[in-house]
Every structure is written in structure tokens, then in C-alpha cells.
């Protein structure tokens, strides 16, 4: 509902265009009737068209030209109005999908890491991209065509009833049976579409996993194995798609068969009436034309029904995502974290991950403002968990965390995280160039700020030695850089924020000795006057 706000005038104008196009389509067969009955068979004009009698009688050639031009004019009017209507609604459809994608991404940015441990990024990608595209396609088609085709059906049936109600009933008697058939097939389409979306998401997961580990796959010579796994999942996706296509084809051909039955009935009944002289050949011709025109929108509605069934599955998946509650939210009384001294206190903090595995139990830690602390321990001891809790990526299951004497949840999330600078264990890249990656840490960073941060991180000489300097493209996940280069760029991205608290999660675990020395020197130079936490498997003095 909210996504459609602000588009009233466009939809209103599109509706006017729609009504005009329908009127032109309804009038389209009448010039042909006049040519057959009045010009060729020389029957008298209906009373409502009596004003045209002199033209038809005295200048039949001119009347023929005029009627031919009328056919062209009606076709042009229908095409022009349909174009405007389609363009307007398509514009609204794309804007609506843009709003939906904005809402979905905003929701994803609020969800905690626990959500991402349960949901693969590739599966989420299919929701943001593919499922919203289904909604767009249906909106641009269904919103316009469902109304236009329905009105056209009603209009055609009205004209047919006015012309000859007996022949109209011969056609209308086929519609109820067709409705129940389409309704049943629609349920099958929805069920198969749900299975198809599930298999497509699983295929995306398999593809992303394989691409991310392609170096490992090639190193172990497991290309054939991975190809077999991909083919297996691709086959499941293909089978689900075939089942959906089979149901959609059954729907389309049901309409085609019903149209043939209705046409045959019209020809039989209309032919008998024409032989008895109670129906003119022109009336029979125009009636048969209306039968063909009637089942075209019915067939289109059947196709739209199939699309709608698939889109409903996509909408359900998006609604499920948007309904996910955020694990960590701002309290109503939360204040902005500004001017922090950096005093940290863990008071009886316990934590367990969603899997139920306990990580911390009654942790008591006090870190004075400006103190430099090393947190050392084996894997799984909860070192990185302390970082996650301090950033409020998770909430403790018991106890409290205080920053400058105030409970952590009394600070707004955005301001808290701006005051804490983190260098993650895994070097994560967010832009295409070194400039973008360093500048990403501070939205309003200038060129001078980026260069200063690079210098503080000991990365300036390294960057200067590269042919493109700051504009060097780092590749996906920084694949064109060494481990030490990646880590120093990530450190520069953190230092450009000038945080009150600096946290380094195993910053030298996967870098060469020269990079270790550069990173240690950068941290020592920058830590003065700020609380610094270094997390690692073994003690590193950072003297």
C-alpha cells in the first residue's frame, strides 16, 4: 500500500487511456459490417446511422474510402492510447519495485549476524532481485491488463447480447466451465511456482559457493565433482520449471479449445439463422469477429493468472523477509554516543549463540579509558564474541555491558558504532578501488583525509608504488592484493573514522613479517589517548 502512494494522477490518466483504447477496440469491427451489409449487399442503414444514407447511396466509393480510413483511425487510436497506458503503468511498476527493494535492503541492514548464519547470501539475493522482478512484471501486466481485458470482455458480451442474445448465450455457456478449469490449474501453477522458486534459490546458493571456492576446486582437481553437484541442482530447478510451464500451457490451451467450441457453436447457430433470413451475413461476420475478440482477452487473463500465481510466491517470500524481527534495536530513551572516554565494563556477561552453544559465562572485565588491552585465547574461547557484543551486533543473554558507565543499550546503534573502529580478522572490501575502500570509513572524507589515513596505516608507500595509486582496482574481495596489503587498507579505513575505541581482531594472523611490523607501528602511533583492544591467539605487545 505505502509503495503506491504518490502515483494517483498517473494511474488515473492510465485509466482514461485504458477506457479510450477499449472503446476503440469495441468499435473496430463495425466499419467492416457497414462495408458488407450496406455497400456490398445494399441493405438500408440502421436508424441511428441515417445521417450517412446520402454518402452511402450517392458516393459508395467515397464511403468505402471513409470506412477504410475509419478502420485505420480506430487502430491508431487504440495503439496510441494503449502505448500511453502501458508506459505510465510500467513507470509506476518500476518505481514501486524500487521502493520495495529499498525496504527489503533496509530490513536486511537491520538484521543481526544471527540471521545471516541461518540464511545464505545467494538465497537472499534471489529475493531482492528475482522476487521483486516478478512483482514488477505482474504489476505492469496485471494492473493494466486485468482491468482492460475484463472491461473488454464485459463490453464485447454487452454488444453481443444487444445484437442477438441467443447467439450470445451459445458463447456464454462455455465460460463457467472454463472458469473452474482455470481456477484448478491456477492452484497447480502456484504450487509448482513455489517449488521452482525454492529450487532456483538452492541453485543460486550452489553457484555462489562454487564460484567463491573456485581456486580451491582447481587446486584439488575437483572440477568434475563440482560440475556434477551443480548439474544435479540445476536439474531439480529445470524439473520444477518444466512442471510450472506444463501447468501454464494447460491453462492457455484450455482457453484455445473453449474458444474453438464457442466459435463452432456460433457458426452453426448463426448459419442456421442466416439461412432462415433472420440474421444478415454482415451480422454473422461481425458476431464471429466478436467471438474471436472475446477469447483473446480471456486467454491473456489466463496467462496473467499464471504470472500472478508465480508472483504471489515471490511476494510471500518478501513478506516473510520483511516480517523478520530485528534482534537489536534502539531504545526509546537511547542517546547519542559523543565524546566518549572509552571506559568499558563487562558485568557478569553471559552469551550463547542461537544454536545454543554457550560462549561466555559471567564475564567480568573492566578496561579503563585509554588503556591498551590484549585479549588472548584459543579458537572458540569467545574473543571475537566480545567484539560483537561491544558493537551490539548481538545482545548478551545475561549481565550488562557499560561504556563510560552507561549501559550499552542506552546509546543509539548508529552513534555507538561510529565511535568504535574495528579491523576485522577477515579483510572485507566494499568498493572497487583503494580510494573507495579507505574513504568508505568516513562518508565526508576528503582526498587529504584518505592520504592521511593511508599514511597512519603504513600503506601510503605501498599505494604510491602501484601504477594507479589510490585508483587501483582491488578486485572482488581484494583478490588483486596480498594479505598484508589488504589488512593495511582495512586499517586505514578504520583510522579515517578517528574512533574513540580501536579494536583489532587478529590483525596480523595472516600477513607477512614486514606487514606485521607496519601494522604494529601504525597501531602504536595511533592508539595514544584512546582505548585499544587487540584480539589474538597469542600475545602481541604492539609496543
Protein backbone atom coordinates (compact mmCIF):
# COMPACT_ATOMS: atom_id res chain seq x y z
CA UNK A 1 0.00 0.00 0.00
CA UNK A 2 2.68 2.52 1.02
CA UNK A 3 4.67 1.71 -2.11
CA UNK A 4 1.81 3.00 -4.30
CA UNK A 5 1.48 6.41 -2.66
CA UNK A 6 2.09 9.42 -4.89
CA UNK A 7 1.10 7.76 -8.16
CA UNK A 8 -2.61 8.65 -8.20
CA UNK A 9 -2.52 11.03 -11.17
CA UNK A 10 -0.52 8.59 -13.30
CA UNK A 11 -2.90 5.75 -12.58
CA UNK A 12 -5.92 7.99 -13.21
CA UNK A 13 -4.57 9.10 -16.60
CA UNK A 14 -3.67 5.49 -17.42
CA UNK A 15 -7.27 4.53 -16.65
CA UNK A 16 -8.57 7.20 -19.06
CA UNK A 17 -6.26 5.86 -21.77
CA UNK A 18 -7.45 2.37 -20.97
CA UNK A 19 -11.13 3.27 -21.41
CA UNK A 20 -10.37 5.04 -24.69
CA UNK A 21 -8.48 2.01 -26.04
CA UNK A 22 -11.35 -0.30 -25.06
CA UNK A 23 -13.87 1.93 -26.84
CA UNK A 24 -11.72 1.91 -29.99
CA UNK A 25 -11.43 -1.90 -29.86
CA UNK A 26 -15.18 -2.31 -29.44
CA UNK A 27 -15.87 -0.09 -32.46
CA UNK A 28 -13.22 -1.76 -34.64
CA UNK A 29 -15.47 -4.44 -36.30
CA UNK A 30 -18.31 -2.03 -37.23
CA UNK A 31 -16.77 -0.43 -40.33
CA UNK A 32 -16.41 -3.94 -41.80
CA UNK A 33 -20.09 -4.66 -41.11
CA UNK A 34 -21.10 -1.47 -42.92
CA UNK A 35 -18.94 -2.41 -45.91
CA UNK A 36 -20.53 -5.87 -46.20
CA UNK A 37 -24.18 -5.06 -45.44
CA UNK A 38 -24.60 -1.52 -46.75
CA UNK A 39 -22.06 -1.19 -49.58
CA UNK A 40 -21.91 -4.73 -50.95
CA UNK A 41 -25.40 -6.06 -50.15
CA UNK A 42 -27.01 -2.57 -50.29
CA UNK A 43 -29.12 -3.08 -47.19
CA UNK A 44 -30.58 0.01 -45.51
CA UNK A 45 -28.60 1.71 -42.80
CA UNK A 46 -29.75 1.40 -39.16
CA UNK A 47 -31.85 4.33 -37.98
CA UNK A 48 -29.02 5.52 -35.73
CA UNK A 49 -26.78 6.00 -38.81
CA UNK A 50 -29.44 7.54 -41.05
CA UNK A 51 -27.37 10.72 -41.49
CA UNK A 52 -24.87 8.71 -43.53
CA UNK A 53 -27.50 7.48 -46.03
CA UNK A 54 -26.73 10.11 -48.74
CA UNK A 55 -22.99 9.30 -48.65
CA UNK A 56 -23.52 5.53 -48.87
CA UNK A 57 -26.15 5.79 -51.59
CA UNK A 58 -24.72 8.55 -53.79
CA UNK A 59 -20.95 8.12 -53.36
CA UNK A 60 -20.25 4.46 -52.48
CA UNK A 61 -16.57 4.72 -53.46
CA UNK A 62 -16.07 7.68 -51.13
CA UNK A 63 -17.95 5.79 -48.39
CA UNK A 64 -15.64 2.80 -48.90
CA UNK A 65 -12.56 5.03 -48.58
CA UNK A 66 -14.04 6.71 -45.49
CA UNK A 67 -14.77 3.38 -43.80
CA UNK A 68 -11.29 2.12 -44.65
CA UNK A 69 -9.76 5.24 -43.10
CA UNK A 70 -12.00 4.72 -40.05
CA UNK A 71 -10.52 1.25 -39.59
CA UNK A 72 -7.02 2.77 -39.65
CA UNK A 73 -8.03 5.62 -37.31
CA UNK A 74 -9.56 3.25 -34.74
CA UNK A 75 -6.47 1.04 -34.86
CA UNK A 76 -4.16 4.04 -34.41
CA UNK A 77 -6.22 5.39 -31.52
CA UNK A 78 -6.18 2.02 -29.79
CA UNK A 79 -2.42 1.64 -30.28
CA UNK A 80 -1.58 5.19 -29.12
CA UNK A 81 -3.78 5.01 -26.03
CA UNK A 82 -2.50 1.54 -25.16
CA UNK A 83 1.08 2.79 -25.50
CA UNK A 84 0.48 5.69 -23.11
CA UNK A 85 -1.32 3.43 -20.65
CA UNK A 86 1.41 0.78 -20.75
CA UNK A 87 4.19 3.35 -20.38
CA UNK A 88 2.57 5.06 -17.41
CA UNK A 89 1.84 1.84 -15.54
CA UNK A 90 5.28 0.39 -16.35
CA UNK A 91 6.87 3.53 -14.88
CA UNK A 92 4.82 3.14 -11.73
CA UNK A 93 5.67 -0.57 -11.61
CA UNK A 94 9.42 0.06 -11.76
CA UNK A 95 9.16 2.81 -9.13
CA UNK A 96 7.15 0.54 -6.85
CA UNK A 97 9.73 -2.24 -7.17
CA UNK A 98 12.46 0.30 -6.42
CA UNK A 99 10.63 1.18 -3.20
CA UNK A 100 10.16 -2.48 -2.31
CA UNK A 101 13.84 -3.21 -2.88
CA UNK A 102 14.73 -0.20 -0.73
CA UNK A 103 12.52 -1.52 2.06
CA UNK A 104 13.97 -5.04 1.75
CA UNK A 105 17.58 -3.83 1.80
CA UNK A 106 16.83 -1.52 4.71
CA UNK A 107 15.38 -4.51 6.56
CA UNK A 108 18.44 -6.62 5.73
CA UNK A 109 20.74 -3.91 7.11
CA UNK A 110 18.84 -4.03 10.44
CA UNK A 111 19.04 -7.78 10.94
CA UNK A 112 21.79 -9.17 13.16
CA UNK A 113 24.55 -11.58 12.12
CA UNK A 114 22.46 -14.40 13.63
CA UNK A 115 20.04 -14.02 10.73
CA UNK A 116 22.86 -14.35 8.19
CA UNK A 117 24.12 -17.53 9.81
CA UNK A 118 20.71 -19.08 9.05
CA UNK A 119 20.24 -17.67 5.53
CA UNK A 120 22.66 -17.90 2.62
CA UNK A 121 23.53 -14.64 0.87
CA UNK A 122 22.70 -16.15 -2.54
CA UNK A 123 19.20 -17.08 -1.38
CA UNK A 124 18.68 -13.53 -0.09
CA UNK A 125 19.94 -12.20 -3.44
CA UNK A 126 17.21 -14.09 -5.28
CA UNK A 127 14.62 -12.45 -3.02
CA UNK A 128 15.94 -8.92 -3.52
CA UNK A 129 16.44 -9.31 -7.26
CA UNK A 130 14.29 -12.08 -8.75
CA UNK A 131 11.26 -11.99 -6.45
CA UNK A 132 10.89 -8.23 -6.77
CA UNK A 133 11.22 -8.56 -10.56
CA UNK A 134 8.28 -10.99 -10.55
CA UNK A 135 6.21 -8.41 -8.68
CA UNK A 136 7.23 -5.72 -11.19
CA UNK A 137 6.26 -7.86 -14.17
CA UNK A 138 2.89 -8.70 -12.68
CA UNK A 139 2.23 -5.13 -11.66
CA UNK A 140 2.97 -3.76 -15.11
CA UNK A 141 0.90 -6.52 -16.73
CA UNK A 142 -1.77 -7.38 -14.21
CA UNK A 143 -2.64 -3.88 -13.03
CA UNK A 144 -3.21 -2.73 -16.59
CA UNK A 145 -4.34 -5.78 -18.48
CA UNK A 146 -6.52 -7.36 -15.82
CA UNK A 147 -8.69 -4.24 -15.79
CA UNK A 148 -8.57 -3.60 -19.52
CA UNK A 149 -9.19 -7.21 -20.51
CA UNK A 150 -12.03 -7.56 -18.02
CA UNK A 151 -13.71 -4.39 -19.28
CA UNK A 152 -13.19 -5.52 -22.84
CA UNK A 153 -14.84 -8.88 -22.09
CA UNK A 154 -17.80 -7.14 -20.47
CA UNK A 155 -18.06 -4.72 -23.38
CA UNK A 156 -17.94 -7.46 -26.01
CA UNK A 157 -20.54 -9.55 -24.19
CA UNK A 158 -22.77 -6.46 -23.91
CA UNK A 159 -22.55 -5.80 -27.65
CA UNK A 160 -23.17 -9.48 -28.45
CA UNK A 161 -26.25 -9.57 -26.20
CA UNK A 162 -27.57 -6.40 -27.83
CA UNK A 163 -27.04 -7.84 -31.33
CA UNK A 164 -28.50 -11.32 -30.76
CA UNK A 165 -29.00 -12.70 -27.26
CA UNK A 166 -29.48 -16.29 -28.49
CA UNK A 167 -26.09 -16.39 -30.17
CA UNK A 168 -24.56 -14.62 -27.16
CA UNK A 169 -25.86 -17.36 -24.85
CA UNK A 170 -24.25 -20.02 -27.08
CA UNK A 171 -20.92 -18.36 -26.30
CA UNK A 172 -21.53 -17.51 -22.63
CA UNK A 173 -22.50 -21.07 -21.71
CA UNK A 174 -18.84 -22.11 -22.16
CA UNK A 175 -17.46 -19.51 -19.71
CA UNK A 176 -18.43 -21.06 -16.31
CA UNK A 177 -16.80 -24.39 -17.15
CA UNK A 178 -13.70 -22.55 -18.38
CA UNK A 179 -13.53 -20.57 -15.11
CA UNK A 180 -13.46 -23.68 -12.92
CA UNK A 181 -10.83 -25.32 -15.13
CA UNK A 182 -8.61 -22.21 -14.98
CA UNK A 183 -9.06 -21.94 -11.22
CA UNK A 184 -7.90 -25.52 -10.69
CA UNK A 185 -4.91 -25.11 -12.99
CA UNK A 186 -4.07 -21.83 -11.23
CA UNK A 187 -3.63 -23.72 -7.95
CA UNK A 188 -1.25 -26.14 -9.67
CA UNK A 189 0.72 -23.23 -11.12
CA UNK A 190 1.08 -21.61 -7.70
CA UNK A 191 2.26 -24.87 -6.13
CA UNK A 192 4.78 -25.55 -8.89
CA UNK A 193 5.96 -21.92 -8.80
CA UNK A 194 6.67 -22.23 -5.09
CA UNK A 195 8.76 -25.34 -5.74
CA UNK A 196 10.53 -23.61 -8.63
CA UNK A 197 11.49 -20.57 -6.54
CA UNK A 198 12.86 -22.86 -3.85
CA UNK A 199 14.97 -24.79 -6.34
CA UNK A 200 16.15 -21.59 -8.07
CA UNK A 201 17.33 -20.24 -4.71
CA UNK A 202 19.15 -23.52 -3.99
CA UNK A 203 20.79 -23.31 -7.43
CA UNK A 204 21.98 -19.76 -6.69
CA UNK A 205 23.47 -20.98 -3.40
CA UNK A 206 25.29 -23.82 -5.16
CA UNK A 207 26.64 -21.46 -7.85
CA UNK A 208 27.89 -18.81 -5.41
CA UNK A 209 29.55 -21.40 -3.18
CA UNK A 210 31.33 -22.92 -6.18
CA UNK A 211 32.49 -19.57 -7.55
CA UNK A 212 33.80 -18.41 -4.18
CA UNK A 213 35.87 -21.57 -3.80
CA UNK A 214 36.95 -21.96 -7.44
CA UNK A 215 40.64 -21.59 -6.61
CA UNK A 216 40.32 -24.41 -4.07
CA UNK A 217 38.31 -26.51 -6.54
CA UNK A 218 41.01 -26.19 -9.17
CA UNK A 219 43.82 -26.75 -6.68
CA UNK A 220 42.25 -30.05 -5.59
CA UNK A 221 41.27 -31.03 -9.13
CA UNK A 222 37.60 -31.27 -8.14
CA UNK A 223 36.09 -29.54 -11.19
CA UNK A 224 34.18 -32.64 -12.30
CA UNK A 225 32.80 -33.17 -8.79
CA UNK A 226 31.57 -29.58 -8.51
CA UNK A 227 30.10 -29.73 -12.02
CA UNK A 228 28.16 -32.86 -11.07
CA UNK A 229 26.79 -31.14 -7.94
CA UNK A 230 25.83 -28.09 -9.97
CA UNK A 231 24.16 -30.22 -12.66
CA UNK A 232 22.20 -32.11 -10.02
CA UNK A 233 20.77 -28.92 -8.54
CA UNK A 234 20.26 -27.38 -11.98
CA UNK A 235 18.29 -30.49 -12.94
CA UNK A 236 15.99 -30.03 -9.95
CA UNK A 237 15.44 -26.40 -10.94
CA UNK A 238 14.76 -27.47 -14.55
CA UNK A 239 12.21 -30.09 -13.47
CA UNK A 240 10.39 -27.55 -11.30
CA UNK A 241 10.36 -25.07 -14.19
CA UNK A 242 9.02 -27.69 -16.61
CA UNK A 243 6.21 -28.54 -14.18
CA UNK A 244 5.28 -24.88 -13.95
CA UNK A 245 5.44 -24.43 -17.74
CA UNK A 246 3.27 -27.53 -18.25
CA UNK A 247 0.56 -26.12 -15.99
CA UNK A 248 0.75 -22.71 -17.72
CA UNK A 249 0.46 -24.39 -21.15
CA UNK A 250 -2.57 -26.37 -19.97
CA UNK A 251 -4.22 -23.10 -18.95
CA UNK A 252 -3.55 -21.47 -22.33
CA UNK A 253 -4.74 -24.45 -24.36
CA UNK A 254 -7.90 -24.77 -22.26
CA UNK A 255 -8.84 -21.27 -23.39
CA UNK A 256 -7.94 -22.09 -27.01
CA UNK A 257 -10.13 -25.20 -27.00
CA UNK A 258 -13.04 -23.36 -25.39
CA UNK A 259 -12.73 -20.60 -27.99
CA UNK A 260 -12.92 -23.21 -30.77
CA UNK A 261 -16.07 -24.73 -29.25
CA UNK A 262 -17.68 -21.29 -28.91
CA UNK A 263 -16.76 -20.35 -32.50
CA UNK A 264 -18.13 -23.63 -33.84
CA UNK A 265 -21.38 -23.10 -31.93
CA UNK A 266 -21.65 -19.56 -33.25
CA UNK A 267 -21.05 -20.64 -36.85
CA UNK A 268 -23.64 -23.43 -36.55
CA UNK A 269 -26.34 -21.41 -34.81
CA UNK A 270 -25.62 -18.21 -36.75
CA UNK A 271 -25.52 -20.06 -40.06
CA UNK A 272 -28.96 -21.55 -39.41
CA UNK A 273 -30.35 -18.11 -38.56
CA UNK A 274 -28.77 -16.63 -41.69
CA UNK A 275 -30.30 -19.40 -43.85
CA UNK A 276 -33.70 -18.57 -42.38
CA UNK A 277 -33.19 -14.89 -43.18
CA UNK A 278 -33.32 -13.71 -39.56
CA UNK A 279 -29.63 -12.76 -39.50
CA UNK A 280 -27.67 -10.86 -42.15
CA UNK A 281 -24.28 -12.10 -43.36
CA UNK A 282 -22.72 -8.90 -42.01
CA UNK A 283 -24.21 -9.52 -38.56
CA UNK A 284 -22.91 -13.11 -38.60
CA UNK A 285 -19.49 -11.91 -39.71
CA UNK A 286 -19.25 -9.29 -37.00
CA UNK A 287 -20.55 -11.75 -34.41
CA UNK A 288 -17.85 -14.29 -35.29
CA UNK A 289 -15.29 -11.47 -35.09
CA UNK A 290 -16.54 -10.63 -31.59
CA UNK A 291 -16.25 -14.29 -30.53
CA UNK A 292 -12.59 -14.26 -31.57
CA UNK A 293 -12.11 -10.91 -29.86
CA UNK A 294 -13.79 -12.23 -26.69
CA UNK A 295 -11.43 -15.14 -26.13
CA UNK A 296 -8.26 -13.17 -26.79
CA UNK A 297 -8.60 -11.22 -23.50
CA UNK A 298 -9.74 -14.43 -21.80
CA UNK A 299 -6.54 -16.12 -22.98
CA UNK A 300 -4.48 -13.12 -21.86
CA UNK A 301 -6.16 -13.23 -18.45
CA UNK A 302 -5.20 -16.89 -18.21
CA UNK A 303 -1.55 -16.01 -18.86
CA UNK A 304 -1.76 -13.20 -16.32
CA UNK A 305 -3.25 -15.61 -13.81
CA UNK A 306 -0.22 -17.84 -14.26
CA UNK A 307 2.09 -14.86 -13.76
CA UNK A 308 0.14 -13.76 -10.71
CA UNK A 309 0.46 -17.22 -9.18
CA UNK A 310 4.24 -17.07 -9.56
CA UNK A 311 4.40 -13.51 -8.26
CA UNK A 312 2.32 -14.40 -5.19
CA UNK A 313 5.02 -16.88 -4.25
CA UNK A 314 7.65 -14.13 -4.62
CA UNK A 315 5.51 -11.73 -2.57
CA UNK A 316 5.14 -14.33 0.18
CA UNK A 317 8.93 -14.75 0.32
CA UNK A 318 9.42 -10.98 0.54
CA UNK A 319 6.75 -10.63 3.22
CA UNK A 320 8.46 -13.36 5.22
CA UNK A 321 11.73 -11.43 4.99
CA UNK A 322 10.17 -8.06 5.88
CA UNK A 323 8.42 -9.63 8.86
CA UNK A 324 11.70 -10.81 10.40
CA UNK A 325 12.12 -9.02 13.76
CA UNK A 326 15.39 -7.19 14.36
CA UNK A 327 17.29 -8.73 17.28
CA UNK A 328 18.93 -5.44 18.24
CA UNK A 329 17.01 -2.13 18.20
CA UNK A 330 17.35 1.35 19.67
CA UNK A 331 15.57 2.02 22.95
CA UNK A 332 13.21 4.97 23.02
CA UNK A 333 15.41 6.73 25.61
CA UNK A 334 18.71 5.99 23.81
CA UNK A 335 21.12 8.93 23.49
CA UNK A 336 23.87 9.74 21.02
CA UNK A 337 27.34 8.41 21.90
CA UNK A 338 29.54 11.50 21.57
CA UNK A 339 32.74 12.48 23.34
CA UNK A 340 33.35 9.02 24.77
CA UNK A 341 36.34 8.47 27.07
CA UNK A 342 36.40 4.74 26.27
CA UNK A 343 35.86 3.10 29.67
CA UNK A 344 34.44 -0.42 29.09
CA UNK A 345 32.91 -2.76 31.67
CA UNK A 346 31.55 -6.29 31.17
CA UNK A 347 29.48 -7.02 34.28
CA UNK A 348 28.57 -10.72 34.61
CA UNK A 349 28.07 -11.05 30.85
CA UNK A 350 26.93 -14.41 29.50
CA UNK A 351 26.17 -15.23 25.89
CA UNK A 352 25.06 -18.17 23.79
CA UNK A 353 24.67 -18.22 20.02
CA UNK A 354 21.27 -19.16 18.53
CA UNK A 355 22.50 -22.74 18.18
CA UNK A 356 22.54 -22.89 21.98
CA UNK A 357 26.31 -23.20 22.32
CA UNK A 358 27.46 -21.19 25.39
CA UNK A 359 30.41 -18.90 24.66
CA UNK A 360 30.65 -16.60 27.67
CA UNK A 361 29.55 -17.21 31.24
CA UNK A 362 29.58 -14.45 33.83
CA UNK A 363 32.42 -12.50 32.20
CA UNK A 364 33.83 -9.70 34.41
CA UNK A 365 36.10 -7.29 32.54
CA UNK A 366 36.99 -3.68 33.33
CA UNK A 367 39.02 -1.65 30.83
CA UNK A 368 39.97 1.88 31.82
CA UNK A 369 39.65 4.77 29.40
CA UNK A 370 42.74 4.97 27.18
CA UNK A 371 44.01 1.57 28.29
CA UNK A 372 45.61 -0.83 25.80
CA UNK A 373 44.45 -4.41 26.32
CA UNK A 374 45.32 -7.69 24.60
CA UNK A 375 42.63 -10.40 24.65
CA UNK A 376 44.37 -13.73 24.06
CA UNK A 377 42.98 -17.24 23.87
CA UNK A 378 42.40 -20.30 21.69
CA UNK A 379 39.79 -20.51 18.93
CA UNK A 380 36.25 -20.69 20.30
CA UNK A 381 37.15 -19.02 23.60
CA UNK A 382 34.83 -16.07 22.90
CA UNK A 383 37.37 -13.41 21.95
CA UNK A 384 35.52 -12.21 18.82
CA UNK A 385 32.23 -12.55 20.67
CA UNK A 386 33.36 -9.73 23.00
CA UNK A 387 33.80 -7.57 19.90
CA UNK A 388 30.34 -8.48 18.58
CA UNK A 389 28.74 -7.68 21.94
CA UNK A 390 30.56 -4.36 22.25
CA UNK A 391 29.26 -3.33 18.81
CA UNK A 392 25.78 -4.61 19.78
CA UNK A 393 25.71 -6.97 16.82
CA UNK A 394 24.31 -9.37 19.42
CA UNK A 395 22.75 -8.78 22.83
CA UNK A 396 24.10 -10.62 25.90
CA UNK A 397 21.86 -13.34 27.29
CA UNK A 398 22.71 -12.21 30.84
CA UNK A 399 24.60 -9.39 32.52
CA UNK A 400 25.30 -5.89 31.25
CA UNK A 401 27.92 -4.04 29.23
CA UNK A 402 28.68 -0.42 30.14
CA UNK A 403 30.52 2.23 28.20
CA UNK A 404 31.62 5.26 30.22
CA UNK A 405 29.36 3.99 33.00
CA UNK A 406 26.22 3.94 30.88
CA UNK A 407 24.58 0.66 29.76
CA UNK A 408 25.42 -0.01 26.13
CA UNK A 409 21.79 -0.22 25.02
CA UNK A 410 21.22 3.38 26.15
CA UNK A 411 23.31 4.60 23.21
CA UNK A 412 21.85 4.70 19.71
CA UNK A 413 23.29 1.98 17.49
CA UNK A 414 24.44 4.35 14.76
CA UNK A 415 26.32 6.70 17.09
CA UNK A 416 27.83 3.82 19.12
CA UNK A 417 29.25 2.11 16.07
CA UNK A 418 30.64 5.40 14.77
CA UNK A 419 32.71 5.68 17.96
CA UNK A 420 34.15 2.16 17.69
CA UNK A 421 36.71 1.45 14.97
CA UNK A 422 37.13 -2.20 14.03
CA UNK A 423 39.68 -4.05 11.92
CA UNK A 424 38.12 -7.45 11.26
CA UNK A 425 40.07 -10.70 11.17
CA UNK A 426 38.91 -11.20 7.56
CA UNK A 427 39.74 -8.28 5.28
CA UNK A 428 36.39 -7.19 3.82
CA UNK A 429 36.30 -4.89 0.80
CA UNK A 430 33.34 -2.68 -0.08
CA UNK A 431 34.44 -0.76 -3.19
CA UNK A 432 36.21 -1.24 -6.48
CA UNK A 433 39.29 0.92 -5.78
CA UNK A 434 41.62 1.59 -2.86
CA UNK A 435 40.27 5.16 -2.70
CA UNK A 436 36.70 3.95 -2.31
CA UNK A 437 37.64 1.38 0.33
CA UNK A 438 39.52 3.81 2.56
CA UNK A 439 37.04 6.67 2.04
CA UNK A 440 34.11 4.35 2.82
CA UNK A 441 35.06 4.59 6.51
CA UNK A 442 34.08 8.26 6.61
CA UNK A 443 31.26 9.49 4.31
CA UNK A 444 32.66 13.03 4.03
CA UNK A 445 36.34 12.13 3.72
CA UNK A 446 38.45 14.38 1.50
CA UNK A 447 41.45 13.40 -0.58
CA UNK A 448 43.69 14.71 2.22
CA UNK A 449 41.83 12.61 4.80
CA UNK A 450 42.30 9.47 2.69
CA UNK A 451 46.01 10.11 2.23
CA UNK A 452 46.49 10.83 5.95
CA UNK A 453 44.67 7.61 6.91
CA UNK A 454 46.82 5.65 4.46
CA UNK A 455 49.93 7.20 6.00
CA UNK A 456 48.81 6.38 9.55
CA UNK A 457 48.19 2.77 8.49
CA UNK A 458 51.64 2.49 6.90
CA UNK A 459 50.04 1.98 3.50
CA UNK A 460 51.00 5.20 1.72
CA UNK A 461 54.30 3.97 0.24
CA UNK A 462 52.62 0.70 -0.78
CA UNK A 463 49.85 2.59 -2.58
CA UNK A 464 52.29 5.02 -4.22
CA UNK A 465 54.18 2.07 -5.70
CA UNK A 466 51.08 0.89 -7.53
CA UNK A 467 50.64 2.20 -11.12
CA UNK A 468 47.15 3.61 -10.47
CA UNK A 469 47.79 4.66 -6.86
CA UNK A 470 44.56 5.23 -4.94
CA UNK A 471 42.59 4.36 -8.07
CA UNK A 472 43.98 0.82 -8.18
CA UNK A 473 41.12 -1.66 -8.64
CA UNK A 474 41.27 -4.19 -5.81
CA UNK A 475 39.05 -6.84 -7.45
CA UNK A 476 36.37 -8.92 -5.78
CA UNK A 477 37.20 -9.37 -2.07
CA UNK A 478 40.55 -7.65 -2.69
CA UNK A 479 41.84 -10.54 -4.79
CA UNK A 480 44.49 -8.41 -6.53
CA UNK A 481 46.21 -7.53 -3.23
CA UNK A 482 48.32 -9.55 -0.84
CA UNK A 483 47.13 -10.36 2.67
CA UNK A 484 49.32 -7.64 4.20
CA UNK A 485 48.16 -5.05 1.69
CA UNK A 486 44.53 -5.88 2.32
CA UNK A 487 44.93 -5.61 6.07
CA UNK A 488 46.69 -2.24 5.91
CA UNK A 489 43.96 -0.80 3.68
CA UNK A 490 41.34 -2.07 6.13
CA UNK A 491 43.31 -0.43 8.98
CA UNK A 492 43.35 2.86 7.04
CA UNK A 493 39.58 2.57 6.55
CA UNK A 494 39.20 2.28 10.33
CA UNK A 495 41.64 5.05 11.25
CA UNK A 496 39.95 7.57 8.95
CA UNK A 497 36.96 7.43 11.31
CA UNK A 498 39.14 8.66 14.22
CA UNK A 499 37.27 6.40 16.66
CA UNK A 500 37.25 6.71 20.46
CA UNK A 501 37.78 2.95 20.78
CA UNK A 502 40.00 0.90 18.48
CA UNK A 503 39.54 -2.88 18.19
CA UNK A 504 41.78 -5.14 16.13
CA UNK A 505 40.59 -8.72 15.69
CA UNK A 506 43.71 -10.79 14.92
CA UNK A 507 45.07 -8.11 12.56
CA UNK A 508 48.39 -9.92 11.90
CA UNK A 509 47.22 -13.55 11.77
CA UNK A 510 47.61 -13.99 8.02
CA UNK A 511 50.21 -11.45 6.92
CA UNK A 512 53.95 -11.48 6.27
CA UNK A 513 56.53 -10.23 8.85
CA UNK A 514 57.05 -6.93 7.05
CA UNK A 515 53.31 -6.24 7.09
CA UNK A 516 53.14 -7.26 10.75
CA UNK A 517 55.76 -4.66 11.60
CA UNK A 518 53.99 -1.96 9.55
CA UNK A 519 50.63 -2.71 11.18
CA UNK A 520 52.14 -2.74 14.69
CA UNK A 521 53.85 0.60 14.11
CA UNK A 522 50.60 2.12 12.80
CA UNK A 523 48.61 0.90 15.79
CA UNK A 524 51.21 2.11 18.31
CA UNK A 525 51.30 5.55 16.69
CA UNK A 526 47.53 5.90 16.61
CA UNK A 527 46.48 4.37 19.92
CA UNK A 528 47.65 7.25 22.12
CA UNK A 529 44.74 8.67 24.10
CA UNK A 530 42.24 6.03 23.01
CA UNK A 531 41.13 2.66 24.34
CA UNK A 532 42.66 -0.12 22.24
CA UNK A 533 41.76 -3.80 22.25
CA UNK A 534 43.85 -6.33 20.34
CA UNK A 535 42.39 -9.81 19.93
CA UNK A 536 44.65 -12.71 19.03
CA UNK A 537 45.68 -16.34 19.56
CA UNK A 538 48.99 -15.33 21.03
CA UNK A 539 50.24 -12.29 22.85
CA UNK A 540 51.39 -9.40 20.69
CA UNK A 541 52.75 -6.41 22.58
CA UNK A 542 52.27 -3.71 19.94
CA UNK A 543 54.94 -1.76 21.77
